[in-house]
Amino acid sequence: MPVLPLIDLLLLSGWTSLLVGFVLKVVYLTTSYRPTLLTLTPSDFLEIAIAAMLFAIALAARTWVKEQEPAASAMRRRDETLAAWTKLNAPEAGPMDTPRAREPGLGDAPG
């Protein structure tokens, strides 16, 4: 399951909660009316925003650490090296374009 959409959702909910809390706080400060949204006050929205953003940061950090594990990193390097070697020695490169053909004596005509 990809993690990036979940991180994006947590960040979106955090910023949205922060914006709603800010709007409620502005109404609190400018009028005598004390609005709540689903019985949540501006400080509740601030706490929700903090929690959502901390979860997003923790999930991103966990994903990054998982990618940096030695076994996964070694497998990724091996796969990248194998892909580069395969591309370098591809048949469309021609027989004289390979690294082995460029070594002295291998591409020379017998003489």
N, C-alpha and C. Protein backbone atom coordinates (compact mmCIF):
# COMPACT_ATOMS: atom_id res chain seq x y z
N MET A 1 0.84 -1.18 0.00
CA MET A 1 0.00 0.00 0.00
C MET A 1 0.89 1.24 0.00
N PRO A 2 0.66 2.16 -0.92
CA PRO A 2 1.48 3.37 -0.93
C PRO A 2 1.19 4.26 0.28
N VAL A 3 2.22 4.84 0.81
CA VAL A 3 2.12 5.63 2.03
C VAL A 3 1.92 7.12 1.73
N LEU A 4 2.38 7.56 0.58
CA LEU A 4 2.33 8.98 0.26
C LEU A 4 0.92 9.56 0.29
N PRO A 5 -0.11 8.89 -0.24
CA PRO A 5 -1.45 9.47 -0.12
C PRO A 5 -1.93 9.62 1.32
N LEU A 6 -1.53 8.70 2.18
CA LEU A 6 -1.91 8.80 3.59
C LEU A 6 -1.22 9.99 4.25
N ILE A 7 0.04 10.20 3.92
CA ILE A 7 0.77 11.36 4.46
C ILE A 7 0.11 12.64 3.96
N ASP A 8 -0.23 12.68 2.67
CA ASP A 8 -0.90 13.86 2.12
C ASP A 8 -2.24 14.11 2.80
N LEU A 9 -2.99 13.05 3.06
CA LEU A 9 -4.28 13.20 3.73
C LEU A 9 -4.10 13.75 5.14
N LEU A 10 -3.11 13.26 5.86
CA LEU A 10 -2.86 13.78 7.21
C LEU A 10 -2.45 15.25 7.17
N LEU A 11 -1.61 15.62 6.23
CA LEU A 11 -1.23 17.03 6.11
C LEU A 11 -2.41 17.91 5.73
N LEU A 12 -3.23 17.43 4.81
CA LEU A 12 -4.42 18.20 4.41
C LEU A 12 -5.38 18.37 5.58
N SER A 13 -5.60 17.31 6.33
CA SER A 13 -6.51 17.42 7.47
C SER A 13 -5.92 18.33 8.55
N GLY A 14 -4.61 18.29 8.73
CA GLY A 14 -3.97 19.16 9.71
C GLY A 14 -4.10 20.63 9.34
N TRP A 15 -3.81 20.96 8.09
CA TRP A 15 -3.92 22.36 7.66
C TRP A 15 -5.37 22.83 7.65
N THR A 16 -6.29 21.95 7.24
CA THR A 16 -7.70 22.32 7.25
C THR A 16 -8.17 22.58 8.68
N SER A 17 -7.79 21.73 9.58
CA SER A 17 -8.16 21.92 10.98
C SER A 17 -7.58 23.21 11.54
N LEU A 18 -6.36 23.51 11.16
CA LEU A 18 -5.72 24.74 11.61
C LEU A 18 -6.46 25.96 11.06
N LEU A 19 -6.87 25.89 9.80
CA LEU A 19 -7.61 27.00 9.20
C LEU A 19 -8.98 27.19 9.86
N VAL A 20 -9.68 26.11 10.12
CA VAL A 20 -11.00 26.20 10.78
C VAL A 20 -10.83 26.77 12.18
N GLY A 21 -9.82 26.31 12.89
CA GLY A 21 -9.56 26.85 14.22
C GLY A 21 -9.22 28.33 14.19
N PHE A 22 -8.48 28.75 13.17
CA PHE A 22 -8.14 30.17 13.03
C PHE A 22 -9.39 31.01 12.77
N VAL A 23 -10.25 30.53 11.90
CA VAL A 23 -11.49 31.27 11.60
C VAL A 23 -12.36 31.37 12.85
N LEU A 24 -12.49 30.28 13.60
CA LEU A 24 -13.27 30.32 14.83
C LEU A 24 -12.66 31.29 15.85
N LYS A 25 -11.34 31.31 15.92
CA LYS A 25 -10.68 32.22 16.87
C LYS A 25 -10.89 33.68 16.47
N VAL A 26 -10.87 33.96 15.18
CA VAL A 26 -11.14 35.32 14.72
C VAL A 26 -12.55 35.74 15.11
N VAL A 27 -13.51 34.84 14.96
CA VAL A 27 -14.89 35.14 15.35
C VAL A 27 -14.96 35.34 16.87
N TYR A 28 -14.24 34.52 17.63
CA TYR A 28 -14.20 34.67 19.09
C TYR A 28 -13.70 36.06 19.47
N LEU A 29 -12.63 36.52 18.79
CA LEU A 29 -12.01 37.79 19.17
C LEU A 29 -12.79 39.01 18.70
N THR A 30 -13.49 38.89 17.59
CA THR A 30 -14.14 40.08 17.03
C THR A 30 -15.60 40.24 17.44
N THR A 31 -16.23 39.22 17.96
CA THR A 31 -17.64 39.32 18.36
C THR A 31 -17.82 38.76 19.75
N SER A 32 -19.02 38.90 20.27
CA SER A 32 -19.33 38.31 21.57
C SER A 32 -19.90 36.91 21.41
N TYR A 33 -20.10 36.49 20.15
CA TYR A 33 -20.62 35.15 19.86
C TYR A 33 -19.51 34.13 20.01
N ARG A 34 -19.79 33.01 20.64
CA ARG A 34 -18.80 31.95 20.87
C ARG A 34 -19.16 30.71 20.05
N PRO A 35 -18.78 30.68 18.78
CA PRO A 35 -19.17 29.54 17.94
C PRO A 35 -18.33 28.30 18.22
N THR A 36 -18.95 27.16 18.01
CA THR A 36 -18.25 25.88 18.06
C THR A 36 -18.70 25.09 16.85
N LEU A 37 -17.88 24.19 16.42
CA LEU A 37 -18.20 23.34 15.29
C LEU A 37 -18.16 21.91 15.80
N LEU A 38 -19.32 21.28 15.89
CA LEU A 38 -19.44 19.94 16.46
C LEU A 38 -18.89 19.92 17.89
N THR A 39 -19.17 20.95 18.63
CA THR A 39 -18.74 21.18 20.02
C THR A 39 -17.22 21.30 20.16
N LEU A 40 -16.52 21.59 19.07
CA LEU A 40 -15.07 21.77 19.13
C LEU A 40 -14.73 23.25 19.11
N THR A 41 -13.87 23.65 20.02
CA THR A 41 -13.44 25.04 20.12
C THR A 41 -12.16 25.24 19.28
N PRO A 42 -11.71 26.48 19.13
CA PRO A 42 -10.47 26.70 18.37
C PRO A 42 -9.26 25.96 18.93
N SER A 43 -9.16 25.85 20.23
CA SER A 43 -8.02 25.12 20.81
C SER A 43 -8.11 23.63 20.49
N ASP A 44 -9.33 23.10 20.39
CA ASP A 44 -9.48 21.69 20.00
C ASP A 44 -8.99 21.48 18.57
N PHE A 45 -9.32 22.43 17.70
CA PHE A 45 -8.85 22.33 16.32
C PHE A 45 -7.33 22.44 16.23
N LEU A 46 -6.75 23.26 17.09
CA LEU A 46 -5.29 23.35 17.13
C LEU A 46 -4.69 22.02 17.55
N GLU A 47 -5.25 21.38 18.54
CA GLU A 47 -4.75 20.08 18.98
C GLU A 47 -4.90 19.02 17.90
N ILE A 48 -6.01 19.04 17.17
CA ILE A 48 -6.21 18.10 16.07
C ILE A 48 -5.16 18.33 14.99
N ALA A 49 -4.90 19.60 14.67
CA ALA A 49 -3.91 19.92 13.64
C ALA A 49 -2.52 19.46 14.05
N ILE A 50 -2.17 19.69 15.30
CA ILE A 50 -0.85 19.26 15.79
C ILE A 50 -0.73 17.74 15.71
N ALA A 51 -1.76 17.03 16.14
CA ALA A 51 -1.73 15.57 16.12
C ALA A 51 -1.62 15.05 14.68
N ALA A 52 -2.38 15.61 13.75
CA ALA A 52 -2.35 15.14 12.37
C ALA A 52 -0.98 15.39 11.74
N MET A 53 -0.41 16.55 11.99
CA MET A 53 0.90 16.85 11.39
C MET A 53 2.02 16.02 12.02
N LEU A 54 1.92 15.76 13.31
CA LEU A 54 2.91 14.89 13.94
C LEU A 54 2.81 13.46 13.41
N PHE A 55 1.60 12.97 13.20
CA PHE A 55 1.44 11.64 12.61
C PHE A 55 2.02 11.61 11.20
N ALA A 56 1.80 12.66 10.42
CA ALA A 56 2.34 12.72 9.06
C ALA A 56 3.87 12.70 9.09
N ILE A 57 4.47 13.47 9.99
CA ILE A 57 5.93 13.50 10.10
C ILE A 57 6.46 12.14 10.55
N ALA A 58 5.80 11.53 11.51
CA ALA A 58 6.24 10.22 11.99
C ALA A 58 6.14 9.17 10.89
N LEU A 59 5.07 9.20 10.11
CA LEU A 59 4.90 8.23 9.04
C LEU A 59 5.94 8.44 7.95
N ALA A 60 6.22 9.69 7.61
CA ALA A 60 7.24 9.98 6.60
C ALA A 60 8.61 9.54 7.09
N ALA A 61 8.92 9.80 8.34
CA ALA A 61 10.22 9.39 8.89
C ALA A 61 10.35 7.88 8.92
N ARG A 62 9.29 7.21 9.31
CA ARG A 62 9.32 5.74 9.36
C ARG A 62 9.52 5.15 7.96
N THR A 63 8.85 5.73 6.97
CA THR A 63 9.00 5.27 5.60
C THR A 63 10.42 5.51 5.12
N TRP A 64 11.00 6.66 5.43
CA TRP A 64 12.36 6.96 5.01
C TRP A 64 13.36 6.01 5.66
N VAL A 65 13.19 5.76 6.95
CA VAL A 65 14.09 4.85 7.66
C VAL A 65 13.99 3.43 7.09
N LYS A 66 12.77 3.01 6.74
CA LYS A 66 12.58 1.68 6.17
C LYS A 66 13.30 1.56 4.83
N GLU A 67 13.30 2.64 4.03
CA GLU A 67 14.00 2.62 2.76
C GLU A 67 15.51 2.57 2.93
N GLN A 68 16.01 3.07 4.05
CA GLN A 68 17.45 3.15 4.26
C GLN A 68 18.03 1.92 4.95
N GLU A 69 17.23 0.88 5.15
CA GLU A 69 17.75 -0.33 5.78
C GLU A 69 18.85 -0.92 4.91
N PRO A 70 19.87 -1.51 5.52
CA PRO A 70 20.99 -2.03 4.74
C PRO A 70 20.58 -3.09 3.71
N ALA A 71 19.70 -4.00 4.06
CA ALA A 71 19.32 -5.05 3.12
C ALA A 71 18.56 -4.48 1.93
N ALA A 72 17.60 -3.61 2.20
CA ALA A 72 16.83 -3.01 1.12
C ALA A 72 17.71 -2.11 0.26
N SER A 73 18.60 -1.38 0.91
CA SER A 73 19.50 -0.49 0.18
C SER A 73 20.45 -1.30 -0.70
N ALA A 74 20.96 -2.41 -0.18
CA ALA A 74 21.87 -3.26 -0.95
C ALA A 74 21.14 -3.88 -2.14
N MET A 75 19.90 -4.32 -1.93
CA MET A 75 19.15 -4.89 -3.05
C MET A 75 18.87 -3.84 -4.12
N ARG A 76 18.54 -2.63 -3.69
CA ARG A 76 18.27 -1.57 -4.65
C ARG A 76 19.54 -1.23 -5.44
N ARG A 77 20.69 -1.13 -4.75
CA ARG A 77 21.95 -0.87 -5.46
C ARG A 77 22.28 -1.99 -6.42
N ARG A 78 22.03 -3.25 -6.00
CA ARG A 78 22.30 -4.39 -6.87
C ARG A 78 21.42 -4.33 -8.12
N ASP A 79 20.15 -4.03 -7.94
CA ASP A 79 19.24 -3.95 -9.08
C ASP A 79 19.62 -2.81 -10.02
N GLU A 80 20.00 -1.66 -9.45
CA GLU A 80 20.41 -0.53 -10.29
C GLU A 80 21.69 -0.85 -11.05
N THR A 81 22.63 -1.52 -10.39
CA THR A 81 23.87 -1.90 -11.06
C THR A 81 23.61 -2.91 -12.16
N LEU A 82 22.77 -3.89 -11.88
CA LEU A 82 22.43 -4.89 -12.90
C LEU A 82 21.73 -4.25 -14.09
N ALA A 83 20.82 -3.31 -13.83
CA ALA A 83 20.13 -2.63 -14.92
C ALA A 83 21.10 -1.80 -15.75
N ALA A 84 22.04 -1.13 -15.09
CA ALA A 84 23.03 -0.33 -15.82
C ALA A 84 23.94 -1.24 -16.64
N TRP A 85 24.36 -2.38 -16.08
CA TRP A 85 25.22 -3.31 -16.79
C TRP A 85 24.49 -3.91 -18.00
N THR A 86 23.22 -4.23 -17.80
CA THR A 86 22.42 -4.78 -18.90
C THR A 86 22.26 -3.74 -20.01
N LYS A 87 22.01 -2.49 -19.62
CA LYS A 87 21.85 -1.43 -20.62
C LYS A 87 23.16 -1.18 -21.34
N LEU A 88 24.25 -1.25 -20.63
CA LEU A 88 25.56 -1.02 -21.24
C LEU A 88 25.90 -2.12 -22.24
N ASN A 89 25.53 -3.33 -21.95
CA ASN A 89 25.84 -4.47 -22.82
C ASN A 89 24.66 -4.88 -23.68
N ALA A 90 23.76 -3.96 -23.96
CA ALA A 90 22.59 -4.26 -24.78
C ALA A 90 23.03 -4.57 -26.21
N PRO A 91 22.31 -5.47 -26.91
CA PRO A 91 22.72 -5.85 -28.26
C PRO A 91 22.65 -4.69 -29.26
N GLU A 92 21.76 -3.71 -29.05
CA GLU A 92 21.67 -2.62 -30.00
C GLU A 92 22.88 -1.69 -29.93
N ALA A 93 23.72 -1.84 -28.91
CA ALA A 93 24.91 -1.00 -28.81
C ALA A 93 25.96 -1.41 -29.84
N GLY A 94 25.84 -2.60 -30.37
CA GLY A 94 26.81 -3.08 -31.35
C GLY A 94 27.92 -3.86 -30.67
N PRO A 95 28.52 -4.78 -31.38
CA PRO A 95 29.53 -5.64 -30.75
C PRO A 95 30.80 -4.91 -30.36
N MET A 96 31.11 -3.79 -31.03
CA MET A 96 32.37 -3.10 -30.72
C MET A 96 32.18 -2.00 -29.68
N ASP A 97 30.94 -1.77 -29.23
CA ASP A 97 30.69 -0.72 -28.25
C ASP A 97 30.70 -1.22 -26.82
N THR A 98 30.88 -2.49 -26.60
CA THR A 98 30.87 -3.02 -25.24
C THR A 98 32.22 -2.77 -24.59
N PRO A 99 32.28 -2.73 -23.28
CA PRO A 99 33.55 -2.49 -22.59
C PRO A 99 34.58 -3.57 -22.89
N ARG A 100 34.14 -4.82 -23.05
CA ARG A 100 35.10 -5.89 -23.34
C ARG A 100 35.72 -5.70 -24.71
N ALA A 101 34.96 -5.17 -25.66
CA ALA A 101 35.49 -4.97 -27.01
C ALA A 101 36.49 -3.83 -27.04
N ARG A 102 36.43 -2.91 -26.09
CA ARG A 102 37.34 -1.78 -26.06
C ARG A 102 38.68 -2.12 -25.42
N GLU A 103 38.78 -3.30 -24.79
CA GLU A 103 40.04 -3.68 -24.17
C GLU A 103 41.07 -3.97 -25.27
N PRO A 104 42.31 -3.66 -25.00
CA PRO A 104 43.34 -3.88 -26.03
C PRO A 104 43.43 -5.34 -26.41
N GLY A 105 43.50 -5.58 -27.67
CA GLY A 105 43.70 -6.94 -28.17
C GLY A 105 42.42 -7.66 -28.51
N LEU A 106 41.29 -7.29 -27.93
CA LEU A 106 40.06 -8.01 -28.21
C LEU A 106 39.40 -7.54 -29.50
N GLY A 107 39.51 -6.28 -29.82
CA GLY A 107 38.86 -5.77 -31.02
C GLY A 107 39.81 -5.71 -32.20
N ASP A 108 41.08 -6.04 -31.97
CA ASP A 108 42.06 -5.95 -33.04
C ASP A 108 41.93 -7.13 -34.01
N ALA A 109 42.19 -6.85 -35.24
CA ALA A 109 42.19 -7.93 -36.24
C ALA A 109 43.47 -8.74 -36.08
N PRO A 110 43.38 -10.04 -36.29
CA PRO A 110 44.61 -10.84 -36.16
C PRO A 110 45.60 -10.43 -37.23
N GLY A 111 46.80 -10.35 -36.87
CA GLY A 111 47.70 -9.88 -37.89
C GLY A 111 49.07 -10.14 -37.63
